[in-house]
PDB file of N, CA and C in Angstrom:
ATOM      1  N   UNK A   1      89.857  95.777 102.424  1.00  0.00           N
ATOM      2  CA  UNK A   1      90.971  94.854 102.459  1.00  0.00           C
ATOM      3  C   UNK A   1      92.043  95.344 101.499  1.00  0.00           C
ATOM      4  N   UNK A   2      93.278  95.289 101.936  1.00  0.00           N
ATOM      5  CA  UNK A   2      94.408  95.736 101.125  1.00  0.00           C
ATOM      6  C   UNK A   2      95.348  94.568 100.876  1.00  0.00           C
ATOM      7  N   UNK A   3      95.963  94.575  99.693  1.00  0.00           N
ATOM      8  CA  UNK A   3      96.902  93.531  99.292  1.00  0.00           C
ATOM      9  C   UNK A   3      98.200  94.163  98.813  1.00  0.00           C
ATOM     10  N   UNK A   4      99.276  93.405  98.912  1.00  0.00           N
ATOM     11  CA  UNK A   4     100.553  93.842  98.375  1.00  0.00           C
ATOM     12  C   UNK A   4     100.467  93.814  96.852  1.00  0.00           C
ATOM     13  N   UNK A   5     100.964  94.885  96.243  1.00  0.00           N
ATOM     14  CA  UNK A   5     100.939  95.024  94.791  1.00  0.00           C
ATOM     15  C   UNK A   5     102.374  95.170  94.297  1.00  0.00           C
ATOM     16  N   UNK A   6     102.700  94.521  93.177  1.00  0.00           N
ATOM     17  CA  UNK A   6     104.052  94.557  92.622  1.00  0.00           C
ATOM     18  C   UNK A   6     104.027  95.119  91.199  1.00  0.00           C
ATOM     19  N   UNK A   7     105.195  95.146  90.598  1.00  0.00           N
ATOM     20  CA  UNK A   7     105.339  95.553  89.192  1.00  0.00           C
ATOM     21  C   UNK A   7     104.671  96.893  88.899  1.00  0.00           C
ATOM     22  N   UNK A   8     105.206  97.916  89.557  1.00  0.00           N
ATOM     23  CA  UNK A   8     104.683  99.288  89.388  1.00  0.00           C
ATOM     24  C   UNK A   8     103.208  99.387  89.738  1.00  0.00           C
ATOM     25  N   UNK A   9     102.821  98.700  90.775  1.00  0.00           N
ATOM     26  CA  UNK A   9     101.448  98.722  91.295  1.00  0.00           C
ATOM     27  C   UNK A   9     100.441  98.184  90.292  1.00  0.00           C
ATOM     28  N   UNK A  10     100.866  97.290  89.419  1.00  0.00           N
ATOM     29  CA  UNK A  10      99.982  96.744  88.398  1.00  0.00           C
ATOM     30  C   UNK A  10      99.524  95.319  88.702  1.00  0.00           C
ATOM     31  N   UNK A  11     100.308  94.586  89.488  1.00  0.00           N
ATOM     32  CA  UNK A  11     100.026  93.175  89.701  1.00  0.00           C
ATOM     33  C   UNK A  11      99.689  92.921  91.183  1.00  0.00           C
ATOM     34  N   UNK A  12      98.434  92.590  91.434  1.00  0.00           N
ATOM     35  CA  UNK A  12      98.007  92.294  92.802  1.00  0.00           C
ATOM     36  C   UNK A  12      98.460  90.894  93.200  1.00  0.00           C
ATOM     37  N   UNK A  13      98.936  90.778  94.424  1.00  0.00           N
ATOM     38  CA  UNK A  13      99.302  89.472  94.961  1.00  0.00           C
ATOM     39  C   UNK A  13      98.158  88.980  95.850  1.00  0.00           C
ATOM     40  N   UNK A  14      98.323  87.819  96.419  1.00  0.00           N
ATOM     41  CA  UNK A  14      97.338  87.289  97.371  1.00  0.00           C
ATOM     42  C   UNK A  14      97.770  87.570  98.810  1.00  0.00           C
ATOM     43  N   UNK A  15      98.856  88.322  98.967  1.00  0.00           N
ATOM     44  CA  UNK A  15      99.373  88.629 100.301  1.00  0.00           C
ATOM     45  C   UNK A  15      98.594  89.799 100.888  1.00  0.00           C
ATOM     46  N   UNK A  16      97.736  89.484 101.853  1.00  0.00           N
ATOM     47  CA  UNK A  16      96.846  90.463 102.463  1.00  0.00           C
ATOM     48  C   UNK A  16      97.598  91.301 103.502  1.00  0.00           C
ATOM     49  N   UNK A  17      97.302  92.583 103.508  1.00  0.00           N
ATOM     50  CA  UNK A  17      97.839  93.466 104.529  1.00  0.00           C
ATOM     51  C   UNK A  17      96.916  93.389 105.743  1.00  0.00           C
ATOM     52  N   UNK A  18      97.389  92.698 106.763  1.00  0.00           N
ATOM     53  CA  UNK A  18      96.622  92.576 108.000  1.00  0.00           C
ATOM     54  C   UNK A  18      97.594  92.518 109.172  1.00  0.00           C
ATOM     55  N   UNK A  19      97.056  92.516 110.385  1.00  0.00           N
ATOM     56  CA  UNK A  19      97.905  92.564 111.577  1.00  0.00           C
ATOM     57  C   UNK A  19      98.879  91.391 111.635  1.00  0.00           C
ATOM     58  N   UNK A  20      98.422  90.211 111.313  1.00  0.00           N
ATOM     59  CA  UNK A  20      99.273  89.017 111.373  1.00  0.00           C
ATOM     60  C   UNK A  20     100.433  89.108 110.378  1.00  0.00           C
ATOM     61  N   UNK A  21     100.130  89.491 109.150  1.00  0.00           N
ATOM     62  CA  UNK A  21     101.181  89.579 108.139  1.00  0.00           C
ATOM     63  C   UNK A  21     102.150  90.724 108.420  1.00  0.00           C
ATOM     64  N   UNK A  22     101.645  91.826 108.945  1.00  0.00           N
ATOM     65  CA  UNK A  22     102.536  92.923 109.343  1.00  0.00           C
ATOM     66  C   UNK A  22     103.494  92.428 110.417  1.00  0.00           C
ATOM     67  N   UNK A  23     102.973  91.722 111.413  1.00  0.00           N
ATOM     68  CA  UNK A  23     103.800  91.205 112.497  1.00  0.00           C
ATOM     69  C   UNK A  23     104.877  90.262 111.959  1.00  0.00           C
ATOM     70  N   UNK A  24     104.523  89.427 111.003  1.00  0.00           N
ATOM     71  CA  UNK A  24     105.496  88.519 110.394  1.00  0.00           C
ATOM     72  C   UNK A  24     106.584  89.304 109.668  1.00  0.00           C
ATOM     73  N   UNK A  25     106.192  90.277 108.863  1.00  0.00           N
ATOM     74  CA  UNK A  25     107.155  91.065 108.102  1.00  0.00           C
ATOM     75  C   UNK A  25     108.083  91.883 108.997  1.00  0.00           C
ATOM     76  N   UNK A  26     107.574  92.299 110.143  1.00  0.00           N
ATOM     77  CA  UNK A  26     108.402  93.088 111.058  1.00  0.00           C
ATOM     78  C   UNK A  26     109.648  92.336 111.500  1.00  0.00           C
ATOM     79  N   UNK A  27     109.631  91.016 111.443  1.00  0.00           N
ATOM     80  CA  UNK A  27     110.805  90.226 111.799  1.00  0.00           C
ATOM     81  C   UNK A  27     111.920  90.339 110.762  1.00  0.00           C
ATOM     82  N   UNK A  28     111.607  90.862 109.588  1.00  0.00           N
ATOM     83  CA  UNK A  28     112.562  90.920 108.490  1.00  0.00           C
ATOM     84  C   UNK A  28     112.823  92.343 107.996  1.00  0.00           C
ATOM     85  N   UNK A  29     112.173  93.337 108.588  1.00  0.00           N
ATOM     86  CA  UNK A  29     112.269  94.715 108.107  1.00  0.00           C
ATOM     87  C   UNK A  29     112.637  95.662 109.243  1.00  0.00           C
ATOM     88  N   UNK A  30     113.272  96.762 108.878  1.00  0.00           N
ATOM     89  CA  UNK A  30     113.543  97.827 109.839  1.00  0.00           C
ATOM     90  C   UNK A  30     112.455  98.890 109.813  1.00  0.00           C
ATOM     91  N   UNK A  31     111.801  99.003 108.670  1.00  0.00           N
ATOM     92  CA  UNK A  31     110.713  99.962 108.520  1.00  0.00           C
ATOM     93  C   UNK A  31     109.896  99.597 107.288  1.00  0.00           C
ATOM     94  N   UNK A  32     108.707 100.199 107.205  1.00  0.00           N
ATOM     95  CA  UNK A  32     107.818  99.980 106.068  1.00  0.00           C
ATOM     96  C   UNK A  32     107.576 101.300 105.335  1.00  0.00           C
ATOM     97  N   UNK A  33     107.438 101.212 104.013  1.00  0.00           N
ATOM     98  CA  UNK A  33     106.918 102.290 103.185  1.00  0.00           C
ATOM     99  C   UNK A  33     105.681 101.733 102.515  1.00  0.00           C
ATOM    100  N   UNK A  34     104.527 102.278 102.864  1.00  0.00           N
ATOM    101  CA  UNK A  34     103.252 101.754 102.377  1.00  0.00           C
ATOM    102  C   UNK A  34     102.599 102.791 101.474  1.00  0.00           C
ATOM    103  N   UNK A  35     102.394 102.420 100.234  1.00  0.00           N
ATOM    104  CA  UNK A  35     101.728 103.299  99.271  1.00  0.00           C
ATOM    105  C   UNK A  35     100.253 102.910  99.184  1.00  0.00           C
ATOM    106  N   UNK A  36      99.392 103.871  99.407  1.00  0.00           N
ATOM    107  CA  UNK A  36      97.964 103.679  99.160  1.00  0.00           C
ATOM    108  C   UNK A  36      97.736 103.845  97.672  1.00  0.00           C
ATOM    109  N   UNK A  37      97.949 102.779  96.919  1.00  0.00           N
ATOM    110  CA  UNK A  37      97.964 102.891  95.459  1.00  0.00           C
ATOM    111  C   UNK A  37      96.642 103.372  94.876  1.00  0.00           C
ATOM    112  N   UNK A  38      95.554 103.156  95.571  1.00  0.00           N
ATOM    113  CA  UNK A  38      94.266 103.651  95.077  1.00  0.00           C
ATOM    114  C   UNK A  38      94.189 105.175  95.126  1.00  0.00           C
ATOM    115  N   UNK A  39      95.025 105.790  95.970  1.00  0.00           N
ATOM    116  CA  UNK A  39      95.012 107.244  96.130  1.00  0.00           C
ATOM    117  C   UNK A  39      96.263 107.903  95.558  1.00  0.00           C
ATOM    118  N   UNK A  40      97.260 107.126  95.271  1.00  0.00           N
ATOM    119  CA  UNK A  40      98.563 107.648  94.842  1.00  0.00           C
ATOM    120  C   UNK A  40      98.446 108.573  93.638  1.00  0.00           C
ATOM    121  N   UNK A  41      99.014 109.790  93.802  1.00  0.00           N
ATOM    122  CA  UNK A  41      99.086 110.743  92.712  1.00  0.00           C
ATOM    123  C   UNK A  41      97.800 111.483  92.375  1.00  0.00           C
ATOM    124  N   UNK A  42      96.729 111.209  93.088  1.00  0.00           N
ATOM    125  CA  UNK A  42      95.428 111.803  92.738  1.00  0.00           C
ATOM    126  C   UNK A  42      95.095 113.069  93.513  1.00  0.00           C
ATOM    127  N   UNK A  43      95.769 113.297  94.649  1.00  0.00           N
ATOM    128  CA  UNK A  43      95.496 114.467  95.491  1.00  0.00           C
ATOM    129  C   UNK A  43      94.022 114.581  95.850  1.00  0.00           C
ATOM    130  N   UNK A  44      93.383 113.456  96.130  1.00  0.00           N
ATOM    131  CA  UNK A  44      91.966 113.457  96.465  1.00  0.00           C
ATOM    132  C   UNK A  44      91.707 113.003  97.893  1.00  0.00           C
ATOM    133  N   UNK A  45      92.742 112.984  98.699  1.00  0.00           N
ATOM    134  CA  UNK A  45      92.601 112.589 100.084  1.00  0.00           C
ATOM    135  C   UNK A  45      93.263 111.258 100.353  1.00  0.00           C
ATOM    136  N   UNK A  46      93.620 111.067 101.597  1.00  0.00           N
ATOM    137  CA  UNK A  46      94.329 109.859 102.025  1.00  0.00           C
ATOM    138  C   UNK A  46      93.355 108.701 102.247  1.00  0.00           C
ATOM    139  N   UNK A  47      93.901 107.505 102.312  1.00  0.00           N
ATOM    140  CA  UNK A  47      93.095 106.323 102.644  1.00  0.00           C
ATOM    141  C   UNK A  47      93.063 106.223 104.169  1.00  0.00           C
ATOM    142  N   UNK A  48      92.054 106.845 104.760  1.00  0.00           N
ATOM    143  CA  UNK A  48      91.999 106.982 106.214  1.00  0.00           C
ATOM    144  C   UNK A  48      91.990 105.635 106.932  1.00  0.00           C
ATOM    145  N   UNK A  49      91.266 104.675 106.405  1.00  0.00           N
ATOM    146  CA  UNK A  49      91.212 103.370 107.069  1.00  0.00           C
ATOM    147  C   UNK A  49      92.573 102.677 107.042  1.00  0.00           C
ATOM    148  N   UNK A  50      93.323 102.852 105.972  1.00  0.00           N
ATOM    149  CA  UNK A  50      94.650 102.253 105.891  1.00  0.00           C
ATOM    150  C   UNK A  50      95.601 102.914 106.879  1.00  0.00           C
ATOM    151  N   UNK A  51      95.582 104.229 106.951  1.00  0.00           N
ATOM    152  CA  UNK A  51      96.440 104.947 107.899  1.00  0.00           C
ATOM    153  C   UNK A  51      96.126 104.516 109.330  1.00  0.00           C
ATOM    154  N   UNK A  52      94.846 104.393 109.641  1.00  0.00           N
ATOM    155  CA  UNK A  52      94.439 103.981 110.981  1.00  0.00           C
ATOM    156  C   UNK A  52      94.951 102.576 111.297  1.00  0.00           C
ATOM    157  N   UNK A  53      94.827 101.674 110.353  1.00  0.00           N
ATOM    158  CA  UNK A  53      95.305 100.305 110.558  1.00  0.00           C
ATOM    159  C   UNK A  53      96.812 100.268 110.733  1.00  0.00           C
ATOM    160  N   UNK A  54      97.535 101.046 109.966  1.00  0.00           N
ATOM    161  CA  UNK A  54      98.989 101.084 110.117  1.00  0.00           C
ATOM    162  C   UNK A  54      99.372 101.557 111.518  1.00  0.00           C
ATOM    163  N   UNK A  55      98.661 102.556 112.013  1.00  0.00           N
ATOM    164  CA  UNK A  55      98.909 103.049 113.369  1.00  0.00           C
ATOM    165  C   UNK A  55      98.630 102.002 114.437  1.00  0.00           C
ATOM    166  N   UNK A  56      97.675 101.138 114.183  1.00  0.00           N
ATOM    167  CA  UNK A  56      97.327 100.079 115.134  1.00  0.00           C
ATOM    168  C   UNK A  56      98.265  98.886 115.026  1.00  0.00           C
ATOM    169  N   UNK A  57      98.617  98.493 113.817  1.00  0.00           N
ATOM    170  CA  UNK A  57      99.329  97.247 113.582  1.00  0.00           C
ATOM    171  C   UNK A  57     100.844  97.336 113.671  1.00  0.00           C
ATOM    172  N   UNK A  58     101.420  98.458 113.302  1.00  0.00           N
ATOM    173  CA  UNK A  58     102.876  98.532 113.134  1.00  0.00           C
ATOM    174  C   UNK A  58     103.592  98.901 114.431  1.00  0.00           C
ATOM    175  N   UNK A  59     104.635  98.147 114.727  1.00  0.00           N
ATOM    176  CA  UNK A  59     105.475  98.470 115.883  1.00  0.00           C
ATOM    177  C   UNK A  59     106.863  98.938 115.453  1.00  0.00           C
ATOM    178  N   UNK A  60     107.133  98.942 114.138  1.00  0.00           N
ATOM    179  CA  UNK A  60     108.364  99.510 113.612  1.00  0.00           C
ATOM    180  C   UNK A  60     107.987 100.771 112.831  1.00  0.00           C
ATOM    181  N   UNK A  61     108.964 101.623 112.503  1.00  0.00           N
ATOM    182  CA  UNK A  61     108.626 102.837 111.755  1.00  0.00           C
ATOM    183  C   UNK A  61     107.899 102.514 110.456  1.00  0.00           C
ATOM    184  N   UNK A  62     106.897 103.341 110.142  1.00  0.00           N
ATOM    185  CA  UNK A  62     106.116 103.166 108.916  1.00  0.00           C
ATOM    186  C   UNK A  62     105.844 104.535 108.306  1.00  0.00           C
ATOM    187  N   UNK A  63     106.004 104.608 106.995  1.00  0.00           N
ATOM    188  CA  UNK A  63     105.714 105.829 106.247  1.00  0.00           C
ATOM    189  C   UNK A  63     104.603 105.522 105.254  1.00  0.00           C
ATOM    190  N   UNK A  64     103.609 106.379 105.238  1.00  0.00           N
ATOM    191  CA  UNK A  64     102.466 106.244 104.326  1.00  0.00           C
ATOM    192  C   UNK A  64     102.635 107.228 103.173  1.00  0.00           C
ATOM    193  N   UNK A  65     102.221 106.819 101.988  1.00  0.00           N
ATOM    194  CA  UNK A  65     102.210 107.692 100.812  1.00  0.00           C
ATOM    195  C   UNK A  65     100.906 107.481 100.065  1.00  0.00           C
ATOM    196  N   UNK A  66     100.330 108.587  99.573  1.00  0.00           N
ATOM    197  CA  UNK A  66      99.156 108.442  98.727  1.00  0.00           C
ATOM    198  C   UNK A  66      98.010 109.358  99.067  1.00  0.00           C
ATOM    199  N   UNK A  67      97.692 110.260  98.144  1.00  0.00           N
ATOM    200  CA  UNK A  67      96.480 111.048  98.235  1.00  0.00           C
ATOM    201  C   UNK A  67      96.561 112.355  98.991  1.00  0.00           C
ATOM    202  N   UNK A  68      97.714 112.666  99.600  1.00  0.00           N
ATOM    203  CA  UNK A  68      97.802 113.909 100.362  1.00  0.00           C
ATOM    204  C   UNK A  68      97.493 115.091  99.447  1.00  0.00           C
ATOM    205  N   UNK A  69      96.650 115.992  99.957  1.00  0.00           N
ATOM    206  CA  UNK A  69      96.279 117.168  99.163  1.00  0.00           C
ATOM    207  C   UNK A  69      96.387 118.461  99.954  1.00  0.00           C
ATOM    208  N   UNK A  70      96.544 118.358 101.286  1.00  0.00           N
ATOM    209  CA  UNK A  70      96.539 119.572 102.107  1.00  0.00           C
ATOM    210  C   UNK A  70      97.286 119.334 103.413  1.00  0.00           C
ATOM    211  N   UNK A  71      97.539 120.424 104.110  1.00  0.00           N
ATOM    212  CA  UNK A  71      98.156 120.312 105.427  1.00  0.00           C
ATOM    213  C   UNK A  71      97.211 119.615 106.403  1.00  0.00           C
ATOM    214  N   UNK A  72      95.922 119.747 106.171  1.00  0.00           N
ATOM    215  CA  UNK A  72      94.943 119.069 107.016  1.00  0.00           C
ATOM    216  C   UNK A  72      95.088 117.551 106.911  1.00  0.00           C
ATOM    217  N   UNK A  73      95.442 117.068 105.723  1.00  0.00           N
ATOM    218  CA  UNK A  73      95.683 115.628 105.573  1.00  0.00           C
ATOM    219  C   UNK A  73      96.857 115.176 106.433  1.00  0.00           C
ATOM    220  N   UNK A  74      97.881 116.018 106.552  1.00  0.00           N
ATOM    221  CA  UNK A  74      99.027 115.675 107.398  1.00  0.00           C
ATOM    222  C   UNK A  74      98.599 115.567 108.859  1.00  0.00           C
ATOM    223  N   UNK A  75      97.754 116.500 109.296  1.00  0.00           N
ATOM    224  CA  UNK A  75      97.224 116.441 110.660  1.00  0.00           C
ATOM    225  C   UNK A  75      96.385 115.185 110.870  1.00  0.00           C
ATOM    226  N   UNK A  76      95.596 114.828 109.857  1.00  0.00           N
ATOM    227  CA  UNK A  76      94.750 113.642 109.951  1.00  0.00           C
ATOM    228  C   UNK A  76      95.598 112.372 110.047  1.00  0.00           C
ATOM    229  N   UNK A  77      96.672 112.314 109.303  1.00  0.00           N
ATOM    230  CA  UNK A  77      97.577 111.152 109.380  1.00  0.00           C
ATOM    231  C   UNK A  77      98.175 111.048 110.776  1.00  0.00           C
ATOM    232  N   UNK A  78      98.575 112.184 111.329  1.00  0.00           N
ATOM    233  CA  UNK A  78      99.131 112.178 112.689  1.00  0.00           C
ATOM    234  C   UNK A  78      98.109 111.643 113.686  1.00  0.00           C
ATOM    235  N   UNK A  79      96.866 112.087 113.543  1.00  0.00           N
ATOM    236  CA  UNK A  79      95.804 111.671 114.472  1.00  0.00           C
ATOM    237  C   UNK A  79      95.433 110.201 114.276  1.00  0.00           C
ATOM    238  N   UNK A  80      95.086 109.823 113.059  1.00  0.00           N
ATOM    239  CA  UNK A  80      94.642 108.449 112.791  1.00  0.00           C
ATOM    240  C   UNK A  80      95.749 107.431 112.996  1.00  0.00           C
ATOM    241  N   UNK A  81      96.978 107.842 112.691  1.00  0.00           N
ATOM    242  CA  UNK A  81      98.126 106.947 112.835  1.00  0.00           C
ATOM    243  C   UNK A  81      98.716 106.934 114.228  1.00  0.00           C
ATOM    244  N   UNK A  82      98.036 107.602 115.145  1.00  0.00           N
ATOM    245  CA  UNK A  82      98.444 107.635 116.561  1.00  0.00           C
ATOM    246  C   UNK A  82      99.878 108.128 116.739  1.00  0.00           C
ATOM    247  N   UNK A  83     100.252 109.105 115.891  1.00  0.00           N
ATOM    248  CA  UNK A  83     101.578 109.717 115.922  1.00  0.00           C
ATOM    249  C   UNK A  83     102.691 108.709 115.628  1.00  0.00           C
ATOM    250  N   UNK A  84     102.334 107.576 115.036  1.00  0.00           N
ATOM    251  CA  UNK A  84     103.315 106.538 114.711  1.00  0.00           C
ATOM    252  C   UNK A  84     103.550 106.412 113.211  1.00  0.00           C
ATOM    253  N   UNK A  85     102.727 107.079 112.414  1.00  0.00           N
ATOM    254  CA  UNK A  85     102.804 106.949 110.959  1.00  0.00           C
ATOM    255  C   UNK A  85     103.378 108.237 110.372  1.00  0.00           C
ATOM    256  N   UNK A  86     104.526 108.110 109.701  1.00  0.00           N
ATOM    257  CA  UNK A  86     105.101 109.242 108.980  1.00  0.00           C
ATOM    258  C   UNK A  86     104.439 109.313 107.603  1.00  0.00           C
ATOM    259  N   UNK A  87     104.765 110.363 106.860  1.00  0.00           N
ATOM    260  CA  UNK A  87     104.139 110.545 105.550  1.00  0.00           C
ATOM    261  C   UNK A  87     105.157 111.095 104.566  1.00  0.00           C
ATOM    262  N   UNK A  88     104.990 110.731 103.333  1.00  0.00           N
ATOM    263  CA  UNK A  88     105.751 111.335 102.246  1.00  0.00           C
ATOM    264  C   UNK A  88     104.752 111.949 101.274  1.00  0.00           C
ATOM    265  N   UNK A  89     105.104 113.120 100.768  1.00  0.00           N
ATOM    266  CA  UNK A  89     104.208 113.858  99.877  1.00  0.00           C
ATOM    267  C   UNK A  89     104.910 114.032  98.539  1.00  0.00           C
ATOM    268  N   UNK A  90     104.187 113.780  97.468  1.00  0.00           N
ATOM    269  CA  UNK A  90     104.763 113.924  96.141  1.00  0.00           C
ATOM    270  C   UNK A  90     104.006 114.916  95.298  1.00  0.00           C
ATOM    271  N   UNK A  91     103.035 114.452  94.534  1.00  0.00           N
ATOM    272  CA  UNK A  91     102.370 115.271  93.522  1.00  0.00           C
ATOM    273  C   UNK A  91     101.599 116.456  94.098  1.00  0.00           C
ATOM    274  N   UNK A  92     101.321 116.462  95.380  1.00  0.00           N
ATOM    275  CA  UNK A  92     100.624 117.603  95.977  1.00  0.00           C
ATOM    276  C   UNK A  92     101.538 118.817  96.134  1.00  0.00           C
ATOM    277  N   UNK A  93     102.847 118.614  96.035  1.00  0.00           N
ATOM    278  CA  UNK A  93     103.782 119.728  96.172  1.00  0.00           C
ATOM    279  C   UNK A  93     103.809 120.578  94.907  1.00  0.00           C
ATOM    280  N   UNK A  94     103.973 121.881  95.100  1.00  0.00           N
ATOM    281  CA  UNK A  94     103.977 122.799  93.956  1.00  0.00           C
ATOM    282  C   UNK A  94     105.096 122.487  92.963  1.00  0.00           C
ATOM    283  N   UNK A  95     106.204 121.937  93.427  1.00  0.00           N
ATOM    284  CA  UNK A  95     107.296 121.614  92.498  1.00  0.00           C
ATOM    285  C   UNK A  95     106.935 120.457  91.571  1.00  0.00           C
ATOM    286  N   UNK A  96     105.865 119.758  91.890  1.00  0.00           N
ATOM    287  CA  UNK A  96     105.371 118.669  91.042  1.00  0.00           C
ATOM    288  C   UNK A  96     104.005 118.997  90.434  1.00  0.00           C
ATOM    289  N   UNK A  97     103.606 120.266  90.538  1.00  0.00           N
ATOM    290  CA  UNK A  97     102.344 120.691  89.937  1.00  0.00           C
ATOM    291  C   UNK A  97     101.178 120.778  90.897  1.00  0.00           C
ATOM    292  N   UNK A  98     101.412 120.483  92.170  1.00  0.00           N
ATOM    293  CA  UNK A  98     100.337 120.538  93.165  1.00  0.00           C
ATOM    294  C   UNK A  98     100.184 121.911  93.789  1.00  0.00           C
ATOM    295  N   UNK A  99      99.387 121.985  94.842  1.00  0.00           N
ATOM    296  CA  UNK A  99      99.068 123.269  95.483  1.00  0.00           C
ATOM    297  C   UNK A  99      99.836 123.512  96.781  1.00  0.00           C
ATOM    298  N   UNK A 100     100.469 122.480  97.346  1.00  0.00           N
ATOM    299  CA  UNK A 100     101.218 122.668  98.590  1.00  0.00           C
ATOM    300  C   UNK A 100     102.586 123.280  98.284  1.00  0.00           C
ATOM    301  N   UNK A 101     102.908 124.322  99.018  1.00  0.00           N
ATOM    302  CA  UNK A 101     104.189 124.983  98.799  1.00  0.00           C
ATOM    303  C   UNK A 101     105.325 124.115  99.324  1.00  0.00           C
ATOM    304  N   UNK A 102     106.335 123.957  98.502  1.00  0.00           N
ATOM    305  CA  UNK A 102     107.527 123.216  98.905  1.00  0.00           C
ATOM    306  C   UNK A 102     108.239 123.934 100.045  1.00  0.00           C
ATOM    307  N   UNK A 103     108.160 125.211 100.048  1.00  0.00           N
ATOM    308  CA  UNK A 103     108.852 126.015 101.069  1.00  0.00           C
ATOM    309  C   UNK A 103     107.910 126.362 102.131  1.00  0.00           C
TER     310      UNK A 103
END
């Protein structure tokens, strides 16, 4: 189960990330940016269950962030997210100290 987190990912709310709440939020948003805070910045792999749920639940553009460590993770996001989930990569890039080449 995932919840919305605020204040630099320090304060958990009671707002659950589920299909119903995603559908409600879609009425007020053009797109979502979803951070897998449990994986963010660790380069230990993506939250596969979260990516899969985003691919199932979201009908507007959605970008996932968190845990990417390799090009294989990008392929996995494409597959699990049913080609509907984009991704942003941060600390895994060599310009931020990671192993993935920026170029």
